C-alpha atoms as a PDB file:
ATOM      1  CA  MET A   1      25.487   7.975  -6.267  1.00  0.00           C
ATOM      2  CA  VAL A   2      22.046   8.745  -8.972  1.00  0.00           C
ATOM      3  CA  GLU A   3      21.815  12.250  -9.016  1.00  0.00           C
ATOM      4  CA  GLN A   4      19.230  13.211  -7.486  1.00  0.00           C
ATOM      5  CA  ASP A   5      16.344  14.546  -9.783  1.00  0.00           C
ATOM      6  CA  ASN A   6      12.839  16.233  -7.384  1.00  0.00           C
ATOM      7  CA  ARG A   7      10.546  16.906 -10.285  1.00  0.00           C
ATOM      8  CA  ARG A   8      11.344  13.258 -12.432  1.00  0.00           C
ATOM      9  CA  GLY A   9      10.943  11.868  -9.452  1.00  0.00           C
ATOM     10  CA  ILE A  10       7.533  13.269  -8.170  1.00  0.00           C
ATOM     11  CA  LEU A  11       6.307  12.893 -12.786  1.00  0.00           C
ATOM     12  CA  LEU A  12       7.497   9.034 -11.510  1.00  0.00           C
ATOM     13  CA  MET A  13       5.138   8.717  -8.164  1.00  0.00           C
ATOM     14  CA  VAL A  14       2.448   9.949  -9.815  1.00  0.00           C
ATOM     15  CA  MET A  15       2.733   7.193 -12.470  1.00  0.00           C
ATOM     16  CA  VAL A  16       3.242   5.078  -9.481  1.00  0.00           C
ATOM     17  CA  THR A  17      -0.396   6.002  -7.979  1.00  0.00           C
ATOM     18  CA  PHE A  18      -2.087   5.675 -11.203  1.00  0.00           C
ATOM     19  CA  ILE A  19      -0.718   2.606 -11.464  1.00  0.00           C
ATOM     20  CA  PHE A  20      -1.555   0.991  -8.578  1.00  0.00           C
ATOM     21  CA  ALA A  21      -4.477   2.859  -8.394  1.00  0.00           C
ATOM     22  CA  MET A  22      -5.815   0.410 -12.130  1.00  0.00           C
ATOM     23  CA  GLN A  23      -3.864  -2.522 -10.541  1.00  0.00           C
ATOM     24  CA  ASP A  24      -7.182  -1.609  -7.225  1.00  0.00           C
ATOM     25  CA  GLY A  25      -9.399  -1.566 -10.067  1.00  0.00           C
ATOM     26  CA  ILE A  26      -8.530  -4.969 -12.050  1.00  0.00           C
ATOM     27  CA  SER A  27      -7.942  -6.594  -7.797  1.00  0.00           C
ATOM     28  CA  ARG A  28     -11.518  -5.690  -7.409  1.00  0.00           C
ATOM     29  CA  HIS A  29     -12.880  -6.381 -10.287  1.00  0.00           C
ATOM     30  CA  ILE A  30     -11.515 -10.341  -9.823  1.00  0.00           C
ATOM     31  CA  ALA A  31     -12.070 -10.713  -6.671  1.00  0.00           C
ATOM     32  CA  GLU A  32     -15.511 -10.129  -6.860  1.00  0.00           C
ATOM     33  CA  THR A  33     -15.833 -13.315  -9.021  1.00  0.00           C
ATOM     34  CA  TYR A  34     -12.460 -15.648  -7.948  1.00  0.00           C
ATOM     35  CA  ASN A  35     -11.294 -15.830  -4.557  1.00  0.00           C
ATOM     36  CA  VAL A  36      -8.935 -13.193  -3.812  1.00  0.00           C
ATOM     37  CA  TYR A  37      -6.393 -16.431  -2.091  1.00  0.00           C
ATOM     38  CA  MET A  38      -5.673 -17.547  -5.736  1.00  0.00           C
ATOM     39  CA  ALA A  39      -5.905 -14.399  -7.305  1.00  0.00           C
ATOM     40  CA  LEU A  40      -2.987 -13.014  -5.057  1.00  0.00           C
ATOM     41  CA  MET A  41      -0.961 -16.402  -5.444  1.00  0.00           C
ATOM     42  CA  VAL A  42      -0.659 -15.600  -9.292  1.00  0.00           C
ATOM     43  CA  ARG A  43      -0.052 -12.267  -8.249  1.00  0.00           C
ATOM     44  CA  PHE A  44       2.617 -12.983  -6.215  1.00  0.00           C
ATOM     45  CA  TRP A  45       4.111 -15.520  -8.099  1.00  0.00           C
ATOM     46  CA  PHE A  46       5.196 -12.815 -10.711  1.00  0.00           C
ATOM     47  CA  PHE A  47       6.512 -11.242  -8.330  1.00  0.00           C
ATOM     48  CA  ALA A  48       8.409 -13.163  -7.058  1.00  0.00           C
ATOM     49  CA  GLY A  49      10.446 -13.335 -10.142  1.00  0.00           C
ATOM     50  CA  PHE A  50      10.718  -9.661 -11.044  1.00  0.00           C
ATOM     51  CA  VAL A  51      12.067  -9.535  -7.646  1.00  0.00           C
ATOM     52  CA  LEU A  52      14.816 -12.820  -8.288  1.00  0.00           C
ATOM     53  CA  VAL A  53      15.473 -10.403 -11.621  1.00  0.00           C
ATOM     54  CA  ILE A  54      16.541  -7.384  -9.624  1.00  0.00           C
ATOM     55  CA  ALA A  55      18.123  -9.301  -6.862  1.00  0.00           C
ATOM     56  CA  ALA A  56      20.463 -11.271  -9.162  1.00  0.00           C
ATOM     57  CA  ARG A  57      21.227  -8.304 -11.311  1.00  0.00           C
ATOM     58  CA  SER A  58      22.508  -6.885  -8.340  1.00  0.00           C
ATOM     59  CA  PRO A  59      25.278  -6.802  -6.053  1.00  0.00           C
ATOM     60  CA  GLY A  60      25.796  -9.731  -4.339  1.00  0.00           C
ATOM     61  CA  GLY A  61      23.688 -11.674  -5.906  1.00  0.00           C
ATOM     62  CA  LEU A  62      21.283 -14.040  -4.264  1.00  0.00           C
ATOM     63  CA  ARG A  63      23.185 -14.363  -2.190  1.00  0.00           C
ATOM     64  CA  ARG A  64      22.676 -10.846  -0.801  1.00  0.00           C
ATOM     65  CA  ALA A  65      19.517  -9.989  -1.322  1.00  0.00           C
ATOM     66  CA  SER A  66      17.722 -13.330   0.927  1.00  0.00           C
ATOM     67  CA  ARG A  67      20.791 -12.263   4.010  1.00  0.00           C
ATOM     68  CA  SER A  68      18.843 -10.045   6.888  1.00  0.00           C
ATOM     69  CA  ALA A  69      20.543  -9.186  10.307  1.00  0.00           C
ATOM     70  CA  LEU A  70      16.506 -10.321  11.564  1.00  0.00           C
ATOM     71  CA  PRO A  71      15.048 -12.995   9.516  1.00  0.00           C
ATOM     72  CA  TRP A  72      12.195 -12.864  12.145  1.00  0.00           C
ATOM     73  CA  ALA A  73      10.996 -10.002  11.878  1.00  0.00           C
ATOM     74  CA  GLN A  74      11.235 -10.136   8.166  1.00  0.00           C
ATOM     75  CA  LEU A  75       8.827 -13.245   7.747  1.00  0.00           C
ATOM     76  CA  PHE A  76       6.434 -10.872  10.495  1.00  0.00           C
ATOM     77  CA  ARG A  77       6.559  -8.406   8.008  1.00  0.00           C
ATOM     78  CA  SER A  78       5.540 -10.367   4.650  1.00  0.00           C
ATOM     79  CA  VAL A  79       2.916 -12.304   6.248  1.00  0.00           C
ATOM     80  CA  VAL A  80       1.780  -8.824   7.626  1.00  0.00           C
ATOM     81  CA  LEU A  81       1.613  -7.038   3.974  1.00  0.00           C
ATOM     82  CA  ILE A  82       0.178 -10.639   3.117  1.00  0.00           C
ATOM     83  CA  VAL A  83      -3.263  -9.678   5.514  1.00  0.00           C
ATOM     84  CA  GLU A  84      -3.565  -6.101   4.243  1.00  0.00           C
ATOM     85  CA  VAL A  85      -3.827  -6.292   0.241  1.00  0.00           C
ATOM     86  CA  ILE A  86      -6.462  -9.362   1.179  1.00  0.00           C
ATOM     87  CA  VAL A  87      -8.627  -7.365   3.352  1.00  0.00           C
ATOM     88  CA  MET A  88      -7.841  -4.456   1.437  1.00  0.00           C
ATOM     89  CA  VAL A  89      -8.984  -6.384  -1.476  1.00  0.00           C
ATOM     90  CA  GLN A  90     -12.033  -7.362   0.652  1.00  0.00           C
ATOM     91  CA  GLY A  91     -13.103  -3.964   1.238  1.00  0.00           C
ATOM     92  CA  PHE A  92     -12.940  -3.278  -3.010  1.00  0.00           C
ATOM     93  CA  VAL A  93     -15.617  -5.734  -2.817  1.00  0.00           C
ATOM     94  CA  TYR A  94     -17.658  -5.128  -0.418  1.00  0.00           C
ATOM     95  CA  LEU A  95     -17.125  -1.396   0.129  1.00  0.00           C
ATOM     96  CA  GLY A  96     -16.302   0.455  -3.406  1.00  0.00           C
ATOM     97  CA  LEU A  97     -12.397   2.134  -4.648  1.00  0.00           C
ATOM     98  CA  VAL A  98     -13.842   4.887  -3.782  1.00  0.00           C
ATOM     99  CA  HIS A  99     -14.946   4.570   0.159  1.00  0.00           C
ATOM    100  CA  SER A 100     -11.613   1.732   1.081  1.00  0.00           C
ATOM    101  CA  HIS A 101      -9.332   4.515  -0.236  1.00  0.00           C
ATOM    102  CA  ALA A 102     -10.986   7.447   1.320  1.00  0.00           C
ATOM    103  CA  VAL A 103     -10.331   5.470   4.842  1.00  0.00           C
ATOM    104  CA  PHE A 104      -7.294   4.223   3.738  1.00  0.00           C
ATOM    105  CA  ALA A 105      -5.990   7.407   3.261  1.00  0.00           C
ATOM    106  CA  CYS A 106      -4.835   7.246   7.271  1.00  0.00           C
ATOM    107  CA  TYR A 107      -2.709   5.104   7.210  1.00  0.00           C
ATOM    108  CA  PRO A 108       0.514   7.794   6.821  1.00  0.00           C
ATOM    109  CA  LEU A 109      -1.699   9.519  10.179  1.00  0.00           C
ATOM    110  CA  LEU A 110      -1.503   5.813  11.720  1.00  0.00           C
ATOM    111  CA  VAL A 111       2.727   5.558  11.120  1.00  0.00           C
ATOM    112  CA  ALA A 112       2.933   8.254  12.713  1.00  0.00           C
ATOM    113  CA  GLY A 113       1.155   7.873  15.790  1.00  0.00           C
ATOM    114  CA  LEU A 114       1.969   4.500  16.245  1.00  0.00           C
ATOM    115  CA  SER A 115       6.219   5.431  15.206  1.00  0.00           C
ATOM    116  CA  GLY A 116       6.646   6.846  19.024  1.00  0.00           C
ATOM    117  CA  PRO A 117       5.390   3.062  20.691  1.00  0.00           C
ATOM    118  CA  VAL A 118       7.102   0.979  18.197  1.00  0.00           C
ATOM    119  CA  LEU A 119      10.200   2.321  16.561  1.00  0.00           C
ATOM    120  CA  GLY A 120      10.590   4.879  19.779  1.00  0.00           C
ATOM    121  CA  GLU A 121      10.161   8.162  17.792  1.00  0.00           C
ATOM    122  CA  LYS A 122       9.725  11.715  19.614  1.00  0.00           C
ATOM    123  CA  VAL A 123       5.967  12.456  18.271  1.00  0.00           C
ATOM    124  CA  GLY A 124       5.256  16.164  19.030  1.00  0.00           C
ATOM    125  CA  TRP A 125       1.643  17.963  20.162  1.00  0.00           C
ATOM    126  CA  ARG A 126       1.013  19.583  16.699  1.00  0.00           C
ATOM    127  CA  ARG A 127       0.882  16.159  15.048  1.00  0.00           C
ATOM    128  CA  VAL A 128      -0.837  14.741  17.898  1.00  0.00           C
ATOM    129  CA  VAL A 129      -3.466  17.235  17.214  1.00  0.00           C
ATOM    130  CA  ALA A 130      -3.968  16.491  13.438  1.00  0.00           C
ATOM    131  CA  ILE A 131      -3.202  12.368  13.921  1.00  0.00           C
ATOM    132  CA  ALA A 132      -6.379  13.844  15.690  1.00  0.00           C
ATOM    133  CA  ILE A 133      -7.531  15.961  13.709  1.00  0.00           C
ATOM    134  CA  GLY A 134      -7.193  13.325  10.870  1.00  0.00           C
ATOM    135  CA  PHE A 135      -9.631  10.586  12.435  1.00  0.00           C
ATOM    136  CA  VAL A 136     -12.181  12.965  12.845  1.00  0.00           C
ATOM    137  CA  GLY A 137     -12.419  13.201   9.080  1.00  0.00           C
ATOM    138  CA  VAL A 138     -12.869   9.421   9.183  1.00  0.00           C
ATOM    139  CA  LEU A 139     -15.123   8.984  11.076  1.00  0.00           C
ATOM    140  CA  ILE A 140     -17.053  11.769   8.904  1.00  0.00           C
ATOM    141  CA  ILE A 141     -16.273   9.697   6.090  1.00  0.00           C
ATOM    142  CA  LEU A 142     -17.893   6.054   8.251  1.00  0.00           C
ATOM    143  CA  GLN A 143     -21.462   8.829   9.025  1.00  0.00           C
ATOM    144  CA  PRO A 144     -24.801   6.615  10.137  1.00  0.00           C
ATOM    145  CA  GLY A 145     -26.372   6.278   6.935  1.00  0.00           C
ATOM    146  CA  PHE A 146     -23.484   5.256   4.693  1.00  0.00           C
ATOM    147  CA  GLY A 147     -23.149   1.689   7.644  1.00  0.00           C
ATOM    148  CA  VAL A 148     -20.636   2.383  10.038  1.00  0.00           C
ATOM    149  CA  PHE A 149     -19.931   0.457  12.916  1.00  0.00           C
ATOM    150  CA  SER A 150     -20.405  -2.371  10.467  1.00  0.00           C
ATOM    151  CA  PRO A 151     -17.712  -4.656   9.526  1.00  0.00           C
ATOM    152  CA  TYR A 152     -17.833  -3.222   6.499  1.00  0.00           C
ATOM    153  CA  ALA A 153     -17.025  -0.420   6.884  1.00  0.00           C
ATOM    154  CA  LEU A 154     -13.949  -1.911   9.271  1.00  0.00           C
ATOM    155  CA  ILE A 155     -12.103  -3.570   6.680  1.00  0.00           C
ATOM    156  CA  PRO A 156     -10.236  -0.942   5.167  1.00  0.00           C
ATOM    157  CA  LEU A 157      -9.784   0.741   8.766  1.00  0.00           C
ATOM    158  CA  ALA A 158      -7.756  -2.429   9.620  1.00  0.00           C
ATOM    159  CA  ALA A 159      -5.877  -2.662   6.100  1.00  0.00           C
ATOM    160  CA  ALA A 160      -5.060   0.564   6.403  1.00  0.00           C
ATOM    161  CA  THR A 161      -4.032   0.057  10.562  1.00  0.00           C
ATOM    162  CA  MET A 162      -2.130  -3.640   8.879  1.00  0.00           C
ATOM    163  CA  PHE A 163      -0.084  -1.077   6.043  1.00  0.00           C
ATOM    164  CA  ALA A 164       1.204   1.219   8.469  1.00  0.00           C
ATOM    165  CA  LEU A 165       2.276  -1.557  10.795  1.00  0.00           C
ATOM    166  CA  TYR A 166       3.785  -3.109   7.404  1.00  0.00           C
ATOM    167  CA  SER A 167       5.466   0.951   7.375  1.00  0.00           C
ATOM    168  CA  LEU A 168       6.771   0.667  10.786  1.00  0.00           C
ATOM    169  CA  MET A 169       8.594  -2.916  10.298  1.00  0.00           C
ATOM    170  CA  THR A 170       9.904  -1.809   6.860  1.00  0.00           C
ATOM    171  CA  ARG A 171      11.251   0.890   8.796  1.00  0.00           C
ATOM    172  CA  TYR A 172      12.456  -0.603  11.556  1.00  0.00           C
ATOM    173  CA  VAL A 173      14.603  -3.828   9.983  1.00  0.00           C
ATOM    174  CA  GLY A 174      15.597  -0.586   7.469  1.00  0.00           C
ATOM    175  CA  ARG A 175      18.168   0.087  10.239  1.00  0.00           C
ATOM    176  CA  VAL A 176      19.630  -3.074  10.219  1.00  0.00           C
ATOM    177  CA  ASP A 177      19.494  -4.639   6.301  1.00  0.00           C
ATOM    178  CA  PRO A 178      19.262  -3.162   3.193  1.00  0.00           C
ATOM    179  CA  ALA A 179      16.329  -2.069   0.610  1.00  0.00           C
ATOM    180  CA  SER A 180      17.417  -5.369  -1.502  1.00  0.00           C
ATOM    181  CA  VAL A 181      16.701  -7.459   1.346  1.00  0.00           C
ATOM    182  CA  SER A 182      14.069  -6.447   2.507  1.00  0.00           C
ATOM    183  CA  PHE A 183      11.999  -6.824  -0.615  1.00  0.00           C
ATOM    184  CA  PHE A 184      13.901  -9.865  -1.374  1.00  0.00           C
ATOM    185  CA  TYR A 185      11.515 -10.656   1.282  1.00  0.00           C
ATOM    186  CA  THR A 186       8.397  -8.903  -0.038  1.00  0.00           C
ATOM    187  CA  GLY A 187       8.252 -10.831  -2.711  1.00  0.00           C
ATOM    188  CA  VAL A 188       9.398 -14.424  -2.631  1.00  0.00           C
ATOM    189  CA  VAL A 189       8.881 -15.740   1.045  1.00  0.00           C
ATOM    190  CA  GLY A 190       5.634 -13.026   0.303  1.00  0.00           C
ATOM    191  CA  ALA A 191       4.951 -15.616  -2.896  1.00  0.00           C
ATOM    192  CA  LEU A 192       6.318 -19.419  -0.250  1.00  0.00           C
ATOM    193  CA  ILE A 193       3.890 -17.678   2.585  1.00  0.00           C
ATOM    194  CA  VAL A 194       0.738 -16.876   0.287  1.00  0.00           C
ATOM    195  CA  THR A 195       1.201 -20.012  -1.717  1.00  0.00           C
ATOM    196  CA  VAL A 196       0.448 -21.877   1.272  1.00  0.00           C
ATOM    197  CA  VAL A 197      -2.712 -20.568   1.051  1.00  0.00           C
ATOM    198  CA  GLY A 198      -3.306 -20.243  -2.505  1.00  0.00           C
ATOM    199  CA  ILE A 199      -2.704 -23.474  -3.998  1.00  0.00           C
ATOM    200  CA  TRP A 200      -6.034 -24.905  -2.090  1.00  0.00           C
ATOM    201  CA  HIS A 201      -8.500 -21.941  -3.928  1.00  0.00           C
ATOM    202  CA  TRP A 202      -7.616 -22.481  -6.752  1.00  0.00           C
ATOM    203  CA  GLU A 203     -10.300 -21.964  -9.598  1.00  0.00           C
ATOM    204  CA  ASN A 204     -10.572 -21.857 -13.499  1.00  0.00           C
ATOM    205  CA  MET A 205     -10.303 -19.382 -14.692  1.00  0.00           C
ATOM    206  CA  THR A 206     -11.827 -17.684 -17.902  1.00  0.00           C
ATOM    207  CA  LEU A 207      -9.511 -16.599 -21.013  1.00  0.00           C
ATOM    208  CA  ALA A 208     -10.296 -12.964 -20.719  1.00  0.00           C
ATOM    209  CA  ASP A 209      -9.884 -13.172 -17.023  1.00  0.00           C
ATOM    210  CA  TRP A 210      -6.493 -14.125 -17.500  1.00  0.00           C
ATOM    211  CA  GLY A 211      -5.472 -11.761 -19.337  1.00  0.00           C
ATOM    212  CA  TRP A 212      -6.743  -9.021 -16.978  1.00  0.00           C
ATOM    213  CA  MET A 213      -3.986 -10.768 -14.297  1.00  0.00           C
ATOM    214  CA  ALA A 214      -1.848 -10.832 -16.553  1.00  0.00           C
ATOM    215  CA  VAL A 215      -2.145  -7.160 -16.925  1.00  0.00           C
ATOM    216  CA  LEU A 216      -2.481  -7.239 -13.006  1.00  0.00           C
ATOM    217  CA  CYS A 217       0.841  -8.812 -12.959  1.00  0.00           C
ATOM    218  CA  VAL A 218       2.785  -6.278 -14.984  1.00  0.00           C
ATOM    219  CA  THR A 219       1.338  -3.441 -13.766  1.00  0.00           C
ATOM    220  CA  ALA A 220       2.528  -4.649  -9.639  1.00  0.00           C
ATOM    221  CA  ALA A 221       6.057  -5.263 -10.964  1.00  0.00           C
ATOM    222  CA  THR A 222       6.413  -1.989 -13.033  1.00  0.00           C
ATOM    223  CA  GLY A 223       4.667   0.046 -10.374  1.00  0.00           C
ATOM    224  CA  HIS A 224       6.860  -1.390  -7.816  1.00  0.00           C
ATOM    225  CA  PHE A 225       9.940  -0.956 -10.390  1.00  0.00           C
ATOM    226  CA  LEU A 226       9.063   2.942 -10.992  1.00  0.00           C
ATOM    227  CA  LEU A 227       8.349   3.354  -7.134  1.00  0.00           C
ATOM    228  CA  ILE A 228      11.922   1.977  -6.046  1.00  0.00           C
ATOM    229  CA  LYS A 229      13.260   4.618  -8.776  1.00  0.00           C
ATOM    230  CA  ALA A 230      11.740   7.707  -7.646  1.00  0.00           C
ATOM    231  CA  TYR A 231      12.763   7.144  -4.365  1.00  0.00           C
ATOM    232  CA  GLU A 232      16.480   6.910  -6.076  1.00  0.00           C
ATOM    233  CA  VAL A 233      16.003  10.123  -7.923  1.00  0.00           C
ATOM    234  CA  ALA A 234      14.079  11.834  -5.188  1.00  0.00           C
ATOM    235  CA  GLU A 235      14.325  12.926  -1.666  1.00  0.00           C
ATOM    236  CA  ALA A 236      11.682  11.152   0.169  1.00  0.00           C
ATOM    237  CA  SER A 237       9.730  13.882   2.542  1.00  0.00           C
ATOM    238  CA  ALA A 238       9.290  15.651  -1.632  1.00  0.00           C
ATOM    239  CA  ILE A 239       7.233  12.955  -3.714  1.00  0.00           C
ATOM    240  CA  GLN A 240       5.553  10.624  -0.825  1.00  0.00           C
ATOM    241  CA  PRO A 241       2.385  13.529  -0.559  1.00  0.00           C
ATOM    242  CA  PHE A 242       2.566  12.832  -4.291  1.00  0.00           C
ATOM    243  CA  ALA A 243       0.870   9.478  -2.945  1.00  0.00           C
ATOM    244  CA  TYR A 244      -2.255  10.932  -2.160  1.00  0.00           C
ATOM    245  CA  LEU A 245      -3.350  10.369  -5.317  1.00  0.00           C
ATOM    246  CA  GLN A 246      -4.077   7.253  -5.727  1.00  0.00           C
ATOM    247  CA  LEU A 247      -7.019   8.316  -3.740  1.00  0.00           C
ATOM    248  CA  VAL A 248      -7.732  10.328  -6.593  1.00  0.00           C
ATOM    249  CA  PHE A 249      -7.270   7.950  -9.613  1.00  0.00           C
ATOM    250  CA  ALA A 250      -8.701   4.888  -7.167  1.00  0.00           C
ATOM    251  CA  ALA A 251     -12.043   7.130  -7.075  1.00  0.00           C
ATOM    252  CA  THR A 252     -11.658   8.844 -10.503  1.00  0.00           C
ATOM    253  CA  ILE A 253     -11.806   4.232 -11.880  1.00  0.00           C
ATOM    254  CA  GLY A 254     -14.904   4.016  -9.021  1.00  0.00           C
ATOM    255  CA  VAL A 255     -17.331   5.546 -10.601  1.00  0.00           C
ATOM    256  CA  ILE A 256     -16.286   5.524 -13.992  1.00  0.00           C
ATOM    257  CA  VAL A 257     -15.711   2.012 -13.961  1.00  0.00           C
ATOM    258  CA  PHE A 258     -17.940   0.386 -11.140  1.00  0.00           C
ATOM    259  CA  HIS A 259     -20.795   3.581 -11.031  1.00  0.00           C
ATOM    260  CA  GLU A 260     -19.952   3.645  -7.979  1.00  0.00           C
ATOM    261  CA  PRO A 261     -22.337   7.349  -5.701  1.00  0.00           C
ATOM    262  CA  LEU A 262     -20.119   9.491  -3.643  1.00  0.00           C
ATOM    263  CA  GLU A 263     -21.111  11.236  -0.896  1.00  0.00           C
ATOM    264  CA  MET A 264     -20.259  14.386  -0.209  1.00  0.00           C
ATOM    265  CA  ASN A 265     -19.366  13.461   3.664  1.00  0.00           C
ATOM    266  CA  VAL A 266     -17.145  10.439   1.875  1.00  0.00           C
ATOM    267  CA  VAL A 267     -15.189  13.776  -0.305  1.00  0.00           C
ATOM    268  CA  ILE A 268     -15.060  16.230   2.997  1.00  0.00           C
ATOM    269  CA  GLY A 269     -13.895  13.672   5.269  1.00  0.00           C
ATOM    270  CA  ALA A 270     -11.410  12.534   2.561  1.00  0.00           C
ATOM    271  CA  GLY A 271     -10.167  15.871   2.459  1.00  0.00           C
ATOM    272  CA  VAL A 272      -9.565  16.256   6.357  1.00  0.00           C
ATOM    273  CA  VAL A 273      -7.651  12.892   6.379  1.00  0.00           C
ATOM    274  CA  VAL A 274      -5.060  13.874   3.600  1.00  0.00           C
ATOM    275  CA  CYS A 275      -4.881  17.276   4.736  1.00  0.00           C
ATOM    276  CA  ALA A 276      -3.894  16.161   8.527  1.00  0.00           C
ATOM    277  CA  GLY A 277      -1.902  13.976   6.397  1.00  0.00           C
ATOM    278  CA  LEU A 278       0.436  16.193   5.066  1.00  0.00           C
ATOM    279  CA  PHE A 279       0.761  18.204   7.461  1.00  0.00           C
ATOM    280  CA  THR A 280       1.838  15.319   9.542  1.00  0.00           C
ATOM    281  CA  LEU A 281       4.444  13.776   6.191  1.00  0.00           C
ATOM    282  CA  TRP A 282       5.662  18.075   6.729  1.00  0.00           C
ATOM    283  CA  ARG A 283       6.245  18.214  10.814  1.00  0.00           C
ATOM    284  CA  ALA A 284       8.248  15.333   9.842  1.00  0.00           C
ATOM    285  CA  ARG A 285      10.225  17.115   7.561  1.00  0.00           C
ATOM    286  CA  VAL A 286      10.806  20.473   9.995  1.00  0.00           C
ATOM    287  CA  ALA A 287      12.033  17.242  12.938  1.00  0.00           C
ATOM    288  CA  ALA A 288      14.281  16.260  10.660  1.00  0.00           C
ATOM    289  CA  ALA A 289      15.688  18.825   9.571  1.00  0.00           C
END
C-alpha cells in the first residue's frame, strides 16, 4: 500500500500539467507542417511500447493487463480518445493554444452534466447551476468578433465533449476492470487503431522535426507515468483542481512562443469556466463525503 501524501501528489500534478502543455505546443508545431494522423501514429507507437513495459512488470503480466470484462466498451473508449486528440490538435492549428484550452477547460462541467444520464449518478441543483454558469463562460470566450458559430470555434468544444465521454467511459469500465487494463487498451489498442489510418498518411520529416517528435513521445510517456504516480500517492479530489494549471501553462506557451493574442474576453470567460469547474469538483467531494 502506497503511503498517501497529498503535497507530493499536488507537486506531481503540477509537473504533469506543465509537461502536457509542452506536448500541446510541440503538437501544434508538428501539425502545422505534417499530417496529424502520422504524427499521432508515431506518438502512440512509443506510448504503446511504454504501456507494454509497464504491463509486463505488473502482477499478472501482459495476460492480466489485456483481459477486460468489457472489451467493446474499452475499444470504444480508445477510439474516442484518438479522435479527441486529432480534433484538439486541429484546434491548436486553427485557433491556437490559448483559445483552444480556454474552451476545452469546460470538460469537467460536461463530465458532471453527463454523469447522470451516462452513469446514473445524482447531480444536484447546485452543480447544475455551476454547469450553466460555466457554459456562460464559454459563450464569453466565443463572443462575436472572435469567430463565434464558425466551425473553427466549435473544434475545442467538440474535443471537450469527446474527452468528457472518454472520462465517463473510463469510470464506467473502471467498475469492473482494474486501471492497468484501461491503460493497456489506451496505449496498445489505441496504437493499433490509429495505425490503420495513419500508415496511409506517412510523410518524410526533417531531422530537426524528428527530434521534436522524439521529445513529444518521451514527454507523453513521462507525463502519463507521473500522472499514475500522482493518483497513487494522493487523493484524486485533492489533486484534480490543479489540472487546470495546464490552461495557464498552455496559454503562456501560446503567447510567448506562438505570439497568440490574449483577449480580455478569453481571460474572463476562462476564469468563469475554471471557477465553475472547481465548484463542481468541490460539490462532488462533498457529495461523496
